């Protein structure tokens, strides 16, 4: 997601995106670039809460309560970096710094 923001920031803004797994970190990045909608097969409750606060319509096939580190090690790591962050701008800066 960070790579897409860097390359396509203007084009992503106001677009509907699809993402394999929506965690809080990804949802905060969606809010940061102001996408107009999100579709994902799986989303965490915290990710959906971020979309709701940002007024971004989202659709998921399956709501999962949280990620565990067996699902995807990188996703789990990014999720933990922003666990106590609610600001999309702050999340972007933290995640960008660690890449």
N, C-alpha and C. Protein backbone atom coordinates (compact mmCIF):
# COMPACT_ATOMS: atom_id res chain seq x y z
N UNK A 1 0.82 -1.19 0.00
CA UNK A 1 0.00 0.00 0.00
C UNK A 1 0.87 1.26 0.00
N UNK A 2 1.95 1.24 0.77
CA UNK A 2 2.84 2.41 0.78
C UNK A 2 3.47 2.66 -0.58
N UNK A 3 3.83 1.61 -1.27
CA UNK A 3 4.39 1.74 -2.61
C UNK A 3 3.39 2.36 -3.58
N UNK A 4 2.16 1.92 -3.48
CA UNK A 4 1.11 2.47 -4.35
C UNK A 4 0.88 3.94 -4.05
N UNK A 5 0.93 4.31 -2.79
CA UNK A 5 0.75 5.72 -2.42
C UNK A 5 1.88 6.56 -3.00
N UNK A 6 3.09 6.07 -2.89
CA UNK A 6 4.25 6.81 -3.40
C UNK A 6 4.15 6.99 -4.92
N UNK A 7 3.80 5.94 -5.62
CA UNK A 7 3.75 5.99 -7.09
C UNK A 7 2.49 6.64 -7.64
N UNK A 8 1.36 6.41 -7.00
CA UNK A 8 0.07 6.77 -7.60
C UNK A 8 -0.79 7.69 -6.75
N UNK A 9 -0.20 8.41 -5.86
CA UNK A 9 -0.98 9.17 -4.87
C UNK A 9 -2.16 9.94 -5.48
N UNK A 10 -1.92 10.72 -6.50
CA UNK A 10 -2.99 11.51 -7.11
C UNK A 10 -4.05 10.61 -7.73
N UNK A 11 -3.64 9.50 -8.33
CA UNK A 11 -4.58 8.59 -8.99
C UNK A 11 -5.38 7.75 -8.00
N UNK A 12 -4.81 7.47 -6.84
CA UNK A 12 -5.51 6.67 -5.84
C UNK A 12 -6.60 7.50 -5.17
N UNK A 13 -6.33 8.77 -4.97
CA UNK A 13 -7.29 9.64 -4.30
C UNK A 13 -8.62 9.58 -5.06
N UNK A 14 -9.68 9.40 -4.33
CA UNK A 14 -11.04 9.31 -4.86
C UNK A 14 -11.30 8.04 -5.66
N UNK A 15 -10.45 7.03 -5.54
CA UNK A 15 -10.66 5.74 -6.20
C UNK A 15 -11.19 4.72 -5.21
N UNK A 16 -11.85 3.72 -5.74
CA UNK A 16 -12.21 2.56 -4.93
C UNK A 16 -11.10 1.55 -5.11
N UNK A 17 -10.60 1.02 -4.00
CA UNK A 17 -9.49 0.07 -4.10
C UNK A 17 -9.92 -1.31 -3.58
N UNK A 18 -9.22 -2.31 -4.04
CA UNK A 18 -9.37 -3.67 -3.54
C UNK A 18 -8.08 -4.08 -2.86
N UNK A 19 -8.20 -4.75 -1.75
CA UNK A 19 -7.03 -5.17 -0.99
C UNK A 19 -7.32 -6.54 -0.37
N UNK A 20 -6.33 -7.42 -0.39
CA UNK A 20 -6.50 -8.80 0.06
C UNK A 20 -6.95 -8.91 1.51
N UNK A 21 -6.36 -8.10 2.37
CA UNK A 21 -6.67 -8.13 3.80
C UNK A 21 -6.58 -6.70 4.31
N UNK A 22 -7.67 -6.21 4.88
CA UNK A 22 -7.68 -4.85 5.40
C UNK A 22 -7.48 -4.89 6.90
N UNK A 23 -6.32 -4.42 7.32
CA UNK A 23 -6.03 -4.28 8.74
C UNK A 23 -6.08 -2.79 9.08
N UNK A 24 -5.86 -2.45 10.33
CA UNK A 24 -5.94 -1.05 10.74
C UNK A 24 -4.92 -0.19 10.01
N UNK A 25 -3.70 -0.71 9.83
CA UNK A 25 -2.65 0.05 9.14
C UNK A 25 -3.09 0.40 7.72
N UNK A 26 -3.60 -0.57 6.99
CA UNK A 26 -4.05 -0.34 5.62
C UNK A 26 -5.24 0.61 5.58
N UNK A 27 -6.14 0.48 6.52
CA UNK A 27 -7.31 1.36 6.57
C UNK A 27 -6.88 2.80 6.84
N UNK A 28 -5.92 2.98 7.73
CA UNK A 28 -5.41 4.33 8.00
C UNK A 28 -4.76 4.92 6.76
N UNK A 29 -4.06 4.09 5.99
CA UNK A 29 -3.46 4.57 4.75
C UNK A 29 -4.54 4.93 3.71
N UNK A 30 -5.61 4.17 3.68
CA UNK A 30 -6.74 4.49 2.79
C UNK A 30 -7.33 5.85 3.17
N UNK A 31 -7.46 6.09 4.46
CA UNK A 31 -7.98 7.37 4.93
C UNK A 31 -6.99 8.50 4.61
N UNK A 32 -5.71 8.20 4.71
CA UNK A 32 -4.68 9.20 4.43
C UNK A 32 -4.76 9.71 2.99
N UNK A 33 -4.95 8.80 2.04
CA UNK A 33 -5.01 9.21 0.63
C UNK A 33 -6.43 9.54 0.17
N UNK A 34 -7.39 9.39 1.08
CA UNK A 34 -8.78 9.74 0.81
C UNK A 34 -9.39 8.95 -0.35
N UNK A 35 -9.27 7.62 -0.25
CA UNK A 35 -9.94 6.78 -1.25
C UNK A 35 -11.45 6.95 -1.09
N UNK A 36 -12.19 6.61 -2.13
CA UNK A 36 -13.64 6.78 -2.05
C UNK A 36 -14.35 5.50 -1.63
N UNK A 37 -13.63 4.37 -1.63
CA UNK A 37 -14.23 3.12 -1.19
C UNK A 37 -13.20 2.01 -1.14
N UNK A 38 -13.54 0.95 -0.39
CA UNK A 38 -12.63 -0.19 -0.23
C UNK A 38 -13.41 -1.48 -0.31
N UNK A 39 -12.88 -2.46 -1.06
CA UNK A 39 -13.41 -3.82 -1.04
C UNK A 39 -12.28 -4.74 -0.59
N UNK A 40 -12.61 -5.67 0.29
CA UNK A 40 -11.64 -6.64 0.77
C UNK A 40 -12.33 -7.95 1.14
N UNK A 41 -11.72 -9.06 0.86
CA UNK A 41 -12.30 -10.34 1.30
C UNK A 41 -12.34 -10.47 2.82
N UNK A 42 -11.32 -9.89 3.52
CA UNK A 42 -11.26 -9.97 4.98
C UNK A 42 -10.86 -8.63 5.56
N UNK A 43 -11.50 -8.26 6.66
CA UNK A 43 -11.15 -7.02 7.34
C UNK A 43 -11.25 -7.21 8.84
N UNK A 44 -10.36 -6.53 9.55
CA UNK A 44 -10.44 -6.55 11.01
C UNK A 44 -11.48 -5.53 11.47
N UNK A 45 -11.97 -5.72 12.68
CA UNK A 45 -12.93 -4.78 13.25
C UNK A 45 -12.32 -3.38 13.37
N UNK A 46 -11.06 -3.31 13.75
CA UNK A 46 -10.40 -2.01 13.88
C UNK A 46 -10.28 -1.31 12.52
N UNK A 47 -10.06 -2.08 11.47
CA UNK A 47 -9.97 -1.49 10.13
C UNK A 47 -11.31 -0.90 9.70
N UNK A 48 -12.38 -1.64 9.95
CA UNK A 48 -13.72 -1.15 9.60
C UNK A 48 -14.04 0.12 10.40
N UNK A 49 -13.62 0.16 11.67
CA UNK A 49 -13.84 1.35 12.49
C UNK A 49 -13.13 2.56 11.90
N UNK A 50 -11.92 2.37 11.39
CA UNK A 50 -11.18 3.47 10.76
C UNK A 50 -11.95 3.97 9.53
N UNK A 51 -12.44 3.05 8.71
CA UNK A 51 -13.19 3.45 7.52
C UNK A 51 -14.44 4.23 7.90
N UNK A 52 -15.14 3.77 8.92
CA UNK A 52 -16.35 4.46 9.36
C UNK A 52 -16.03 5.88 9.82
N UNK A 53 -14.98 6.02 10.64
CA UNK A 53 -14.59 7.36 11.12
C UNK A 53 -14.20 8.28 9.97
N UNK A 54 -13.63 7.72 8.90
CA UNK A 54 -13.19 8.51 7.75
C UNK A 54 -14.29 8.66 6.69
N UNK A 55 -15.48 8.13 6.97
CA UNK A 55 -16.59 8.18 6.01
C UNK A 55 -16.23 7.54 4.67
N UNK A 56 -15.51 6.42 4.73
CA UNK A 56 -15.15 5.68 3.52
C UNK A 56 -16.01 4.42 3.47
N UNK A 57 -16.83 4.27 2.44
CA UNK A 57 -17.63 3.05 2.32
C UNK A 57 -16.71 1.84 2.13
N UNK A 58 -17.03 0.76 2.80
CA UNK A 58 -16.23 -0.45 2.68
C UNK A 58 -17.12 -1.67 2.58
N UNK A 59 -16.59 -2.68 1.93
CA UNK A 59 -17.30 -3.95 1.82
C UNK A 59 -16.30 -5.06 2.09
N UNK A 60 -16.72 -5.99 2.94
CA UNK A 60 -15.89 -7.15 3.24
C UNK A 60 -16.75 -8.40 3.24
N UNK A 61 -16.17 -9.51 2.85
CA UNK A 61 -16.87 -10.78 2.88
C UNK A 61 -16.82 -11.42 4.26
N UNK A 62 -15.75 -11.11 4.99
CA UNK A 62 -15.57 -11.74 6.29
C UNK A 62 -14.92 -10.76 7.26
N UNK A 63 -15.56 -10.56 8.38
CA UNK A 63 -15.00 -9.72 9.44
C UNK A 63 -14.24 -10.63 10.40
N UNK A 64 -13.00 -10.26 10.66
CA UNK A 64 -12.20 -11.02 11.62
C UNK A 64 -11.92 -10.11 12.82
N UNK A 65 -11.89 -10.67 14.03
CA UNK A 65 -11.72 -9.81 15.21
C UNK A 65 -10.35 -9.13 15.27
N UNK A 66 -9.33 -9.82 14.82
CA UNK A 66 -7.97 -9.27 14.88
C UNK A 66 -7.06 -10.14 14.02
N UNK A 67 -5.86 -9.64 13.76
CA UNK A 67 -4.85 -10.41 13.05
C UNK A 67 -4.03 -11.20 14.06
N UNK A 68 -3.54 -12.31 13.60
CA UNK A 68 -2.52 -12.99 14.41
C UNK A 68 -1.30 -13.16 13.53
N UNK A 69 -0.15 -13.34 14.14
CA UNK A 69 1.09 -13.34 13.37
C UNK A 69 1.24 -14.54 12.46
N UNK A 70 0.32 -15.48 12.47
CA UNK A 70 0.39 -16.61 11.55
C UNK A 70 -0.24 -16.27 10.21
N UNK A 71 -1.06 -15.22 10.15
CA UNK A 71 -1.74 -14.86 8.91
C UNK A 71 -0.78 -14.26 7.89
N UNK A 72 0.01 -13.31 8.29
CA UNK A 72 0.95 -12.64 7.39
C UNK A 72 1.89 -11.83 8.27
N UNK A 73 3.12 -12.26 8.37
CA UNK A 73 4.08 -11.64 9.29
C UNK A 73 4.25 -10.14 9.06
N UNK A 74 4.34 -9.71 7.78
CA UNK A 74 4.53 -8.29 7.51
C UNK A 74 3.30 -7.48 7.89
N UNK A 75 2.12 -7.97 7.55
CA UNK A 75 0.88 -7.27 7.91
C UNK A 75 0.77 -7.16 9.42
N UNK A 76 1.06 -8.22 10.12
CA UNK A 76 1.00 -8.22 11.59
C UNK A 76 1.96 -7.18 12.17
N UNK A 77 3.15 -7.06 11.60
CA UNK A 77 4.14 -6.09 12.08
C UNK A 77 3.63 -4.65 11.90
N UNK A 78 3.07 -4.35 10.73
CA UNK A 78 2.55 -3.00 10.47
C UNK A 78 1.35 -2.70 11.35
N UNK A 79 0.50 -3.68 11.55
CA UNK A 79 -0.67 -3.50 12.42
C UNK A 79 -0.22 -3.09 13.82
N UNK A 80 0.80 -3.74 14.33
CA UNK A 80 1.30 -3.43 15.68
C UNK A 80 1.93 -2.05 15.77
N UNK A 81 2.49 -1.56 14.67
CA UNK A 81 3.10 -0.22 14.68
C UNK A 81 2.08 0.89 14.89
N UNK A 82 0.84 0.64 14.48
CA UNK A 82 -0.18 1.70 14.55
C UNK A 82 -1.33 1.35 15.50
N UNK A 83 -1.12 0.38 16.35
CA UNK A 83 -2.18 -0.12 17.21
C UNK A 83 -2.82 1.00 18.05
N UNK A 84 -2.03 1.97 18.49
CA UNK A 84 -2.54 3.06 19.32
C UNK A 84 -2.64 4.39 18.57
N UNK A 85 -2.60 4.33 17.25
CA UNK A 85 -2.64 5.53 16.41
C UNK A 85 -4.01 5.65 15.76
N UNK A 86 -4.57 6.84 15.77
CA UNK A 86 -5.85 7.08 15.09
C UNK A 86 -5.73 8.09 13.96
N UNK A 87 -4.64 8.80 13.88
CA UNK A 87 -4.43 9.81 12.85
C UNK A 87 -3.86 9.17 11.59
N UNK A 88 -4.56 9.31 10.44
CA UNK A 88 -4.01 8.78 9.19
C UNK A 88 -2.64 9.36 8.84
N UNK A 89 -2.44 10.64 9.07
CA UNK A 89 -1.16 11.27 8.77
C UNK A 89 -0.04 10.70 9.64
N UNK A 90 -0.32 10.55 10.93
CA UNK A 90 0.68 9.98 11.84
C UNK A 90 1.00 8.54 11.46
N UNK A 91 -0.02 7.77 11.12
CA UNK A 91 0.20 6.37 10.70
C UNK A 91 1.07 6.32 9.46
N UNK A 92 0.76 7.16 8.48
CA UNK A 92 1.57 7.19 7.25
C UNK A 92 3.02 7.49 7.56
N UNK A 93 3.27 8.49 8.38
CA UNK A 93 4.66 8.86 8.71
C UNK A 93 5.38 7.75 9.45
N UNK A 94 4.71 7.10 10.38
CA UNK A 94 5.32 5.99 11.13
C UNK A 94 5.65 4.84 10.19
N UNK A 95 4.70 4.44 9.36
CA UNK A 95 4.91 3.29 8.47
C UNK A 95 5.97 3.61 7.42
N UNK A 96 5.94 4.81 6.87
CA UNK A 96 6.93 5.19 5.86
C UNK A 96 8.34 5.19 6.46
N UNK A 97 8.46 5.66 7.68
CA UNK A 97 9.75 5.71 8.36
C UNK A 97 10.36 4.31 8.54
N UNK A 98 9.51 3.32 8.77
CA UNK A 98 10.00 1.96 9.05
C UNK A 98 10.21 1.13 7.80
N UNK A 99 9.94 1.67 6.64
CA UNK A 99 10.21 0.91 5.41
C UNK A 99 11.54 1.23 4.83
